[in-house]
Amino acid sequence: MLDIDSAYGVARAAAAGVDGIAVGIQTLIKRLHENGRLKSIDERREKLKIRRVIEGRRLEVLHLPADVLEHSMVEKPAQSAHLK
């Protein structure tokens, strides 16, 4: 699960030195859903974020498969190797 607001903030900071992020947070969530990247959504509330209690706090998070993060971490070293 992913706290989308925190993750988006980190992604924006990381992309600040490059081209930045071209879409807003709601568009990003919608595109993740359209591409089948979300493992579950809150159908009852008709929301793409799901509610979970994490460390005693109720949060709205995105439910992504673990391999999404693994895939992005694996790509970075491979891309760096091509630049050298």
PDB file of N, CA and C in Angstrom:
ATOM      1  N   MET A   1       0.838  -1.166   0.000  1.00  0.00           N
ATOM      2  CA  MET A   1       0.000   0.000   0.000  1.00  0.00           C
ATOM      3  C   MET A   1       0.886   1.232   0.000  1.00  0.00           C
ATOM      4  N   LEU A   2       0.364   2.282  -0.527  1.00  0.00           N
ATOM      5  CA  LEU A   2       1.168   3.469  -0.724  1.00  0.00           C
ATOM      6  C   LEU A   2       0.394   4.712  -0.312  1.00  0.00           C
ATOM      7  N   ASP A   3       0.958   5.501   0.586  1.00  0.00           N
ATOM      8  CA  ASP A   3       0.395   6.796   0.949  1.00  0.00           C
ATOM      9  C   ASP A   3       0.686   7.731  -0.220  1.00  0.00           C
ATOM     10  N   ILE A   4      -0.314   7.988  -1.022  1.00  0.00           N
ATOM     11  CA  ILE A   4      -0.124   8.676  -2.298  1.00  0.00           C
ATOM     12  C   ILE A   4       0.404  10.099  -2.132  1.00  0.00           C
ATOM     13  N   ASP A   5      -0.048  10.811  -1.121  1.00  0.00           N
ATOM     14  CA  ASP A   5       0.415  12.193  -0.961  1.00  0.00           C
ATOM     15  C   ASP A   5       1.910  12.243  -0.669  1.00  0.00           C
ATOM     16  N   SER A   6       2.372  11.360   0.211  1.00  0.00           N
ATOM     17  CA  SER A   6       3.808  11.308   0.529  1.00  0.00           C
ATOM     18  C   SER A   6       4.610  10.856  -0.680  1.00  0.00           C
ATOM     19  N   ALA A   7       4.119   9.822  -1.348  1.00  0.00           N
ATOM     20  CA  ALA A   7       4.839   9.295  -2.510  1.00  0.00           C
ATOM     21  C   ALA A   7       4.915  10.326  -3.627  1.00  0.00           C
ATOM     22  N   TYR A   8       3.836  11.042  -3.855  1.00  0.00           N
ATOM     23  CA  TYR A   8       3.823  12.057  -4.909  1.00  0.00           C
ATOM     24  C   TYR A   8       4.805  13.186  -4.578  1.00  0.00           C
ATOM     25  N   GLY A   9       4.860  13.569  -3.313  1.00  0.00           N
ATOM     26  CA  GLY A   9       5.811  14.602  -2.893  1.00  0.00           C
ATOM     27  C   GLY A   9       7.249  14.183  -3.127  1.00  0.00           C
ATOM     28  N   VAL A  10       7.556  12.928  -2.802  1.00  0.00           N
ATOM     29  CA  VAL A  10       8.907  12.405  -3.027  1.00  0.00           C
ATOM     30  C   VAL A  10       9.205  12.340  -4.523  1.00  0.00           C
ATOM     31  N   ALA A  11       8.240  11.882  -5.308  1.00  0.00           N
ATOM     32  CA  ALA A  11       8.440  11.793  -6.757  1.00  0.00           C
ATOM     33  C   ALA A  11       8.659  13.175  -7.369  1.00  0.00           C
ATOM     34  N   ARG A  12       7.901  14.172  -6.917  1.00  0.00           N
ATOM     35  CA  ARG A  12       8.081  15.538  -7.427  1.00  0.00           C
ATOM     36  C   ARG A  12       9.463  16.073  -7.080  1.00  0.00           C
ATOM     37  N   ALA A  13       9.905  15.809  -5.858  1.00  0.00           N
ATOM     38  CA  ALA A  13      11.228  16.277  -5.440  1.00  0.00           C
ATOM     39  C   ALA A  13      12.320  15.594  -6.260  1.00  0.00           C
ATOM     40  N   ALA A  14      12.162  14.305  -6.501  1.00  0.00           N
ATOM     41  CA  ALA A  14      13.154  13.559  -7.278  1.00  0.00           C
ATOM     42  C   ALA A  14      13.177  14.018  -8.730  1.00  0.00           C
ATOM     43  N   ALA A  15      12.024  14.391  -9.256  1.00  0.00           N
ATOM     44  CA  ALA A  15      11.935  14.783 -10.657  1.00  0.00           C
ATOM     45  C   ALA A  15      12.245  16.263 -10.875  1.00  0.00           C
ATOM     46  N   ALA A  16      12.423  17.005  -9.814  1.00  0.00           N
ATOM     47  CA  ALA A  16      12.652  18.447  -9.937  1.00  0.00           C
ATOM     48  C   ALA A  16      13.884  18.766 -10.768  1.00  0.00           C
ATOM     49  N   GLY A  17      14.916  17.947 -10.682  1.00  0.00           N
ATOM     50  CA  GLY A  17      16.138  18.197 -11.439  1.00  0.00           C
ATOM     51  C   GLY A  17      16.072  17.708 -12.866  1.00  0.00           C
ATOM     52  N   VAL A  18      15.027  16.969 -13.197  1.00  0.00           N
ATOM     53  CA  VAL A  18      14.886  16.421 -14.552  1.00  0.00           C
ATOM     54  C   VAL A  18      13.816  17.234 -15.271  1.00  0.00           C
ATOM     55  N   ASP A  19      12.790  16.577 -15.779  1.00  0.00           N
ATOM     56  CA  ASP A  19      11.708  17.266 -16.476  1.00  0.00           C
ATOM     57  C   ASP A  19      10.515  17.556 -15.579  1.00  0.00           C
ATOM     58  N   GLY A  20      10.524  17.049 -14.347  1.00  0.00           N
ATOM     59  CA  GLY A  20       9.389  17.213 -13.452  1.00  0.00           C
ATOM     60  C   GLY A  20       8.313  16.188 -13.764  1.00  0.00           C
ATOM     61  N   ILE A  21       7.219  16.294 -13.063  1.00  0.00           N
ATOM     62  CA  ILE A  21       6.077  15.401 -13.286  1.00  0.00           C
ATOM     63  C   ILE A  21       5.037  16.201 -14.051  1.00  0.00           C
ATOM     64  N   ALA A  22       4.624  15.687 -15.198  1.00  0.00           N
ATOM     65  CA  ALA A  22       3.751  16.435 -16.098  1.00  0.00           C
ATOM     66  C   ALA A  22       2.269  16.336 -15.753  1.00  0.00           C
ATOM     67  N   VAL A  23       1.895  15.451 -14.809  1.00  0.00           N
ATOM     68  CA  VAL A  23       0.480  15.299 -14.463  1.00  0.00           C
ATOM     69  C   VAL A  23       0.284  15.537 -12.970  1.00  0.00           C
ATOM     70  N   GLY A  24      -0.935  15.919 -12.626  1.00  0.00           N
ATOM     71  CA  GLY A  24      -1.280  16.104 -11.222  1.00  0.00           C
ATOM     72  C   GLY A  24      -1.560  14.772 -10.555  1.00  0.00           C
ATOM     73  N   ILE A  25      -1.746  14.835  -9.263  1.00  0.00           N
ATOM     74  CA  ILE A  25      -1.913  13.625  -8.477  1.00  0.00           C
ATOM     75  C   ILE A  25      -3.173  12.840  -8.876  1.00  0.00           C
ATOM     76  N   GLN A  26      -4.276  13.528  -9.103  1.00  0.00           N
ATOM     77  CA  GLN A  26      -5.512  12.828  -9.467  1.00  0.00           C
ATOM     78  C   GLN A  26      -5.394  12.163 -10.833  1.00  0.00           C
ATOM     79  N   THR A  27      -4.742  12.824 -11.763  1.00  0.00           N
ATOM     80  CA  THR A  27      -4.526  12.233 -13.091  1.00  0.00           C
ATOM     81  C   THR A  27      -3.625  11.015 -12.987  1.00  0.00           C
ATOM     82  N   LEU A  28      -2.589  11.102 -12.165  1.00  0.00           N
ATOM     83  CA  LEU A  28      -1.691   9.972 -11.962  1.00  0.00           C
ATOM     84  C   LEU A  28      -2.444   8.761 -11.420  1.00  0.00           C
ATOM     85  N   ILE A  29      -3.294   8.971 -10.419  1.00  0.00           N
ATOM     86  CA  ILE A  29      -4.080   7.875  -9.844  1.00  0.00           C
ATOM     87  C   ILE A  29      -5.005   7.281 -10.891  1.00  0.00           C
ATOM     88  N   LYS A  30      -5.658   8.131 -11.655  1.00  0.00           N
ATOM     89  CA  LYS A  30      -6.568   7.662 -12.705  1.00  0.00           C
ATOM     90  C   LYS A  30      -5.819   6.826 -13.749  1.00  0.00           C
ATOM     91  N   ARG A  31      -4.644   7.278 -14.155  1.00  0.00           N
ATOM     92  CA  ARG A  31      -3.853   6.535 -15.154  1.00  0.00           C
ATOM     93  C   ARG A  31      -3.384   5.189 -14.612  1.00  0.00           C
ATOM     94  N   LEU A  32      -3.001   5.145 -13.321  1.00  0.00           N
ATOM     95  CA  LEU A  32      -2.622   3.870 -12.706  1.00  0.00           C
ATOM     96  C   LEU A  32      -3.781   2.883 -12.776  1.00  0.00           C
ATOM     97  N   HIS A  33      -4.989   3.383 -12.505  1.00  0.00           N
ATOM     98  CA  HIS A  33      -6.186   2.526 -12.570  1.00  0.00           C
ATOM     99  C   HIS A  33      -6.467   2.082 -14.002  1.00  0.00           C
ATOM    100  N   GLU A  34      -6.402   3.008 -14.937  1.00  0.00           N
ATOM    101  CA  GLU A  34      -6.660   2.683 -16.354  1.00  0.00           C
ATOM    102  C   GLU A  34      -5.679   1.643 -16.882  1.00  0.00           C
ATOM    103  N   ASN A  35      -4.448   1.661 -16.383  1.00  0.00           N
ATOM    104  CA  ASN A  35      -3.425   0.711 -16.829  1.00  0.00           C
ATOM    105  C   ASN A  35      -3.416  -0.587 -16.029  1.00  0.00           C
ATOM    106  N   GLY A  36      -4.402  -0.759 -15.155  1.00  0.00           N
ATOM    107  CA  GLY A  36      -4.509  -1.992 -14.386  1.00  0.00           C
ATOM    108  C   GLY A  36      -3.449  -2.159 -13.314  1.00  0.00           C
ATOM    109  N   ARG A  37      -2.860  -1.062 -12.848  1.00  0.00           N
ATOM    110  CA  ARG A  37      -1.788  -1.130 -11.848  1.00  0.00           C
ATOM    111  C   ARG A  37      -2.302  -1.208 -10.412  1.00  0.00           C
ATOM    112  N   LEU A  38      -3.560  -0.838 -10.165  1.00  0.00           N
ATOM    113  CA  LEU A  38      -4.094  -0.882  -8.808  1.00  0.00           C
ATOM    114  C   LEU A  38      -4.636  -2.272  -8.521  1.00  0.00           C
ATOM    115  N   LYS A  39      -4.208  -2.873  -7.411  1.00  0.00           N
ATOM    116  CA  LYS A  39      -4.656  -4.217  -7.054  1.00  0.00           C
ATOM    117  C   LYS A  39      -6.090  -4.209  -6.557  1.00  0.00           C
ATOM    118  N   SER A  40      -6.496  -3.149  -5.867  1.00  0.00           N
ATOM    119  CA  SER A  40      -7.875  -3.046  -5.412  1.00  0.00           C
ATOM    120  C   SER A  40      -8.262  -1.579  -5.306  1.00  0.00           C
ATOM    121  N   ILE A  41      -9.566  -1.346  -5.373  1.00  0.00           N
ATOM    122  CA  ILE A  41     -10.131  -0.009  -5.223  1.00  0.00           C
ATOM    123  C   ILE A  41     -11.311  -0.124  -4.256  1.00  0.00           C
ATOM    124  N   ASP A  42     -11.817   0.998  -3.790  1.00  0.00           N
ATOM    125  CA  ASP A  42     -12.966   1.006  -2.885  1.00  0.00           C
ATOM    126  C   ASP A  42     -14.225   1.152  -3.726  1.00  0.00           C
ATOM    127  N   GLU A  43     -14.760   0.020  -4.151  1.00  0.00           N
ATOM    128  CA  GLU A  43     -15.939   0.040  -5.025  1.00  0.00           C
ATOM    129  C   GLU A  43     -17.163   0.583  -4.304  1.00  0.00           C
ATOM    130  N   ARG A  44     -17.286   0.268  -3.011  1.00  0.00           N
ATOM    131  CA  ARG A  44     -18.453   0.729  -2.247  1.00  0.00           C
ATOM    132  C   ARG A  44     -18.524   2.259  -2.220  1.00  0.00           C
ATOM    133  N   ARG A  45     -17.382   2.908  -2.007  1.00  0.00           N
ATOM    134  CA  ARG A  45     -17.330   4.376  -1.985  1.00  0.00           C
ATOM    135  C   ARG A  45     -17.071   4.972  -3.363  1.00  0.00           C
ATOM    136  N   GLU A  46     -16.821   4.111  -4.346  1.00  0.00           N
ATOM    137  CA  GLU A  46     -16.500   4.542  -5.714  1.00  0.00           C
ATOM    138  C   GLU A  46     -15.254   5.430  -5.731  1.00  0.00           C
ATOM    139  N   LYS A  47     -14.204   4.969  -5.022  1.00  0.00           N
ATOM    140  CA  LYS A  47     -12.928   5.683  -4.939  1.00  0.00           C
ATOM    141  C   LYS A  47     -11.808   4.763  -5.378  1.00  0.00           C
ATOM    142  N   LEU A  48     -10.762   5.339  -5.954  1.00  0.00           N
ATOM    143  CA  LEU A  48      -9.609   4.544  -6.359  1.00  0.00           C
ATOM    144  C   LEU A  48      -8.672   4.289  -5.187  1.00  0.00           C
ATOM    145  N   LYS A  49      -8.673   5.163  -4.192  1.00  0.00           N
ATOM    146  CA  LYS A  49      -7.886   4.954  -2.983  1.00  0.00           C
ATOM    147  C   LYS A  49      -8.692   4.073  -2.036  1.00  0.00           C
ATOM    148  N   ILE A  50      -7.988   3.249  -1.267  1.00  0.00           N
ATOM    149  CA  ILE A  50      -8.647   2.430  -0.263  1.00  0.00           C
ATOM    150  C   ILE A  50      -8.274   2.948   1.117  1.00  0.00           C
ATOM    151  N   ARG A  51      -9.112   2.667   2.114  1.00  0.00           N
ATOM    152  CA  ARG A  51      -8.835   3.097   3.486  1.00  0.00           C
ATOM    153  C   ARG A  51      -8.164   1.968   4.242  1.00  0.00           C
ATOM    154  N   ARG A  52      -7.101   2.303   4.965  1.00  0.00           N
ATOM    155  CA  ARG A  52      -6.390   1.343   5.804  1.00  0.00           C
ATOM    156  C   ARG A  52      -5.922   2.049   7.073  1.00  0.00           C
ATOM    157  N   VAL A  53      -5.866   1.307   8.170  1.00  0.00           N
ATOM    158  CA  VAL A  53      -5.307   1.825   9.413  1.00  0.00           C
ATOM    159  C   VAL A  53      -3.848   1.374   9.456  1.00  0.00           C
ATOM    160  N   ILE A  54      -2.941   2.336   9.471  1.00  0.00           N
ATOM    161  CA  ILE A  54      -1.503   2.075   9.496  1.00  0.00           C
ATOM    162  C   ILE A  54      -0.922   2.849  10.671  1.00  0.00           C
ATOM    163  N   GLU A  55      -0.284   2.110  11.568  1.00  0.00           N
ATOM    164  CA  GLU A  55       0.295   2.691  12.777  1.00  0.00           C
ATOM    165  C   GLU A  55      -0.729   3.542  13.530  1.00  0.00           C
ATOM    166  N   GLY A  56      -1.955   3.027  13.621  1.00  0.00           N
ATOM    167  CA  GLY A  56      -3.008   3.697  14.377  1.00  0.00           C
ATOM    168  C   GLY A  56      -3.676   4.858  13.670  1.00  0.00           C
ATOM    169  N   ARG A  57      -3.249   5.150  12.469  1.00  0.00           N
ATOM    170  CA  ARG A  57      -3.842   6.264  11.707  1.00  0.00           C
ATOM    171  C   ARG A  57      -4.638   5.720  10.531  1.00  0.00           C
ATOM    172  N   ARG A  58      -5.819   6.257  10.308  1.00  0.00           N
ATOM    173  CA  ARG A  58      -6.638   5.860   9.161  1.00  0.00           C
ATOM    174  C   ARG A  58      -6.205   6.684   7.956  1.00  0.00           C
ATOM    175  N   LEU A  59      -5.743   5.996   6.933  1.00  0.00           N
ATOM    176  CA  LEU A  59      -5.213   6.666   5.742  1.00  0.00           C
ATOM    177  C   LEU A  59      -5.906   6.174   4.489  1.00  0.00           C
ATOM    178  N   GLU A  60      -5.941   7.014   3.478  1.00  0.00           N
ATOM    179  CA  GLU A  60      -6.347   6.603   2.142  1.00  0.00           C
ATOM    180  C   GLU A  60      -5.064   6.322   1.373  1.00  0.00           C
ATOM    181  N   VAL A  61      -4.957   5.119   0.836  1.00  0.00           N
ATOM    182  CA  VAL A  61      -3.729   4.694   0.162  1.00  0.00           C
ATOM    183  C   VAL A  61      -4.063   4.048  -1.170  1.00  0.00           C
ATOM    184  N   LEU A  62      -3.045   3.908  -2.005  1.00  0.00           N
ATOM    185  CA  LEU A  62      -3.176   3.151  -3.242  1.00  0.00           C
ATOM    186  C   LEU A  62      -2.690   1.740  -2.975  1.00  0.00           C
ATOM    187  N   HIS A  63      -3.400   0.769  -3.492  1.00  0.00           N
ATOM    188  CA  HIS A  63      -3.010  -0.631  -3.326  1.00  0.00           C
ATOM    189  C   HIS A  63      -2.338  -1.080  -4.626  1.00  0.00           C
ATOM    190  N   LEU A  64      -1.014  -1.072  -4.599  1.00  0.00           N
ATOM    191  CA  LEU A  64      -0.211  -1.440  -5.762  1.00  0.00           C
ATOM    192  C   LEU A  64       0.467  -2.782  -5.530  1.00  0.00           C
ATOM    193  N   PRO A  65       0.737  -3.540  -6.591  1.00  0.00           N
ATOM    194  CA  PRO A  65       1.511  -4.772  -6.417  1.00  0.00           C
ATOM    195  C   PRO A  65       2.957  -4.431  -6.051  1.00  0.00           C
ATOM    196  N   ALA A  66       3.577  -5.287  -5.249  1.00  0.00           N
ATOM    197  CA  ALA A  66       4.949  -5.038  -4.794  1.00  0.00           C
ATOM    198  C   ALA A  66       5.919  -4.933  -5.956  1.00  0.00           C
ATOM    199  N   ASP A  67       5.670  -5.655  -7.036  1.00  0.00           N
ATOM    200  CA  ASP A  67       6.615  -5.629  -8.153  1.00  0.00           C
ATOM    201  C   ASP A  67       6.676  -4.285  -8.861  1.00  0.00           C
ATOM    202  N   VAL A  68       5.721  -3.405  -8.630  1.00  0.00           N
ATOM    203  CA  VAL A  68       5.789  -2.060  -9.210  1.00  0.00           C
ATOM    204  C   VAL A  68       7.021  -1.347  -8.657  1.00  0.00           C
ATOM    205  N   LEU A  69       7.233  -1.442  -7.354  1.00  0.00           N
ATOM    206  CA  LEU A  69       8.398  -0.803  -6.737  1.00  0.00           C
ATOM    207  C   LEU A  69       9.675  -1.542  -7.103  1.00  0.00           C
ATOM    208  N   GLU A  70       9.630  -2.875  -7.125  1.00  0.00           N
ATOM    209  CA  GLU A  70      10.806  -3.654  -7.494  1.00  0.00           C
ATOM    210  C   GLU A  70      11.231  -3.331  -8.920  1.00  0.00           C
ATOM    211  N   HIS A  71      10.271  -3.208  -9.818  1.00  0.00           N
ATOM    212  CA  HIS A  71      10.550  -2.919 -11.222  1.00  0.00           C
ATOM    213  C   HIS A  71      11.241  -1.570 -11.372  1.00  0.00           C
ATOM    214  N   SER A  72      10.759  -0.557 -10.664  1.00  0.00           N
ATOM    215  CA  SER A  72      11.363   0.769 -10.801  1.00  0.00           C
ATOM    216  C   SER A  72      12.764   0.799 -10.200  1.00  0.00           C
ATOM    217  N   MET A  73      13.022   0.015  -9.146  1.00  0.00           N
ATOM    218  CA  MET A  73      14.356  -0.010  -8.550  1.00  0.00           C
ATOM    219  C   MET A  73      15.342  -0.771  -9.421  1.00  0.00           C
ATOM    220  N   VAL A  74      14.880  -1.776 -10.114  1.00  0.00           N
ATOM    221  CA  VAL A  74      15.743  -2.572 -10.982  1.00  0.00           C
ATOM    222  C   VAL A  74      16.119  -1.776 -12.220  1.00  0.00           C
ATOM    223  N   GLU A  75      15.196  -0.968 -12.738  1.00  0.00           N
ATOM    224  CA  GLU A  75      15.471  -0.200 -13.963  1.00  0.00           C
ATOM    225  C   GLU A  75      16.567   0.845 -13.765  1.00  0.00           C
ATOM    226  N   LYS A  76      16.616   1.501 -12.637  1.00  0.00           N
ATOM    227  CA  LYS A  76      17.549   2.605 -12.441  1.00  0.00           C
ATOM    228  C   LYS A  76      19.014   2.208 -12.630  1.00  0.00           C
ATOM    229  N   PRO A  77      19.501   1.114 -11.998  1.00  0.00           N
ATOM    230  CA  PRO A  77      20.908   0.750 -12.232  1.00  0.00           C
ATOM    231  C   PRO A  77      21.181   0.399 -13.693  1.00  0.00           C
ATOM    232  N   ALA A  78      20.227  -0.247 -14.355  1.00  0.00           N
ATOM    233  CA  ALA A  78      20.413  -0.602 -15.752  1.00  0.00           C
ATOM    234  C   ALA A  78      20.513   0.652 -16.623  1.00  0.00           C
ATOM    235  N   GLN A  79      19.693   1.652 -16.318  1.00  0.00           N
ATOM    236  CA  GLN A  79      19.743   2.883 -17.092  1.00  0.00           C
ATOM    237  C   GLN A  79      21.055   3.613 -16.836  1.00  0.00           C
ATOM    238  N   SER A  80      21.535   3.591 -15.604  1.00  0.00           N
ATOM    239  CA  SER A  80      22.789   4.261 -15.282  1.00  0.00           C
ATOM    240  C   SER A  80      23.964   3.618 -15.991  1.00  0.00           C
ATOM    241  N   ALA A  81      23.916   2.302 -16.157  1.00  0.00           N
ATOM    242  CA  ALA A  81      25.005   1.587 -16.826  1.00  0.00           C
ATOM    243  C   ALA A  81      25.134   2.021 -18.283  1.00  0.00           C
ATOM    244  N   HIS A  82      23.991   2.339 -18.918  1.00  0.00           N
ATOM    245  CA  HIS A  82      24.036   2.781 -20.319  1.00  0.00           C
ATOM    246  C   HIS A  82      24.610   4.181 -20.464  1.00  0.00           C
ATOM    247  N   LEU A  83      24.496   4.978 -19.423  1.00  0.00           N
ATOM    248  CA  LEU A  83      24.971   6.364 -19.497  1.00  0.00           C
ATOM    249  C   LEU A  83      26.481   6.469 -19.362  1.00  0.00           C
ATOM    250  N   LYS A  84      27.115   5.461 -18.793  1.00  0.00           N
ATOM    251  CA  LYS A  84      28.574   5.541 -18.552  1.00  0.00           C
ATOM    252  C   LYS A  84      29.373   5.227 -19.764  1.00  0.00           C
TER     253      LYS A  84
END
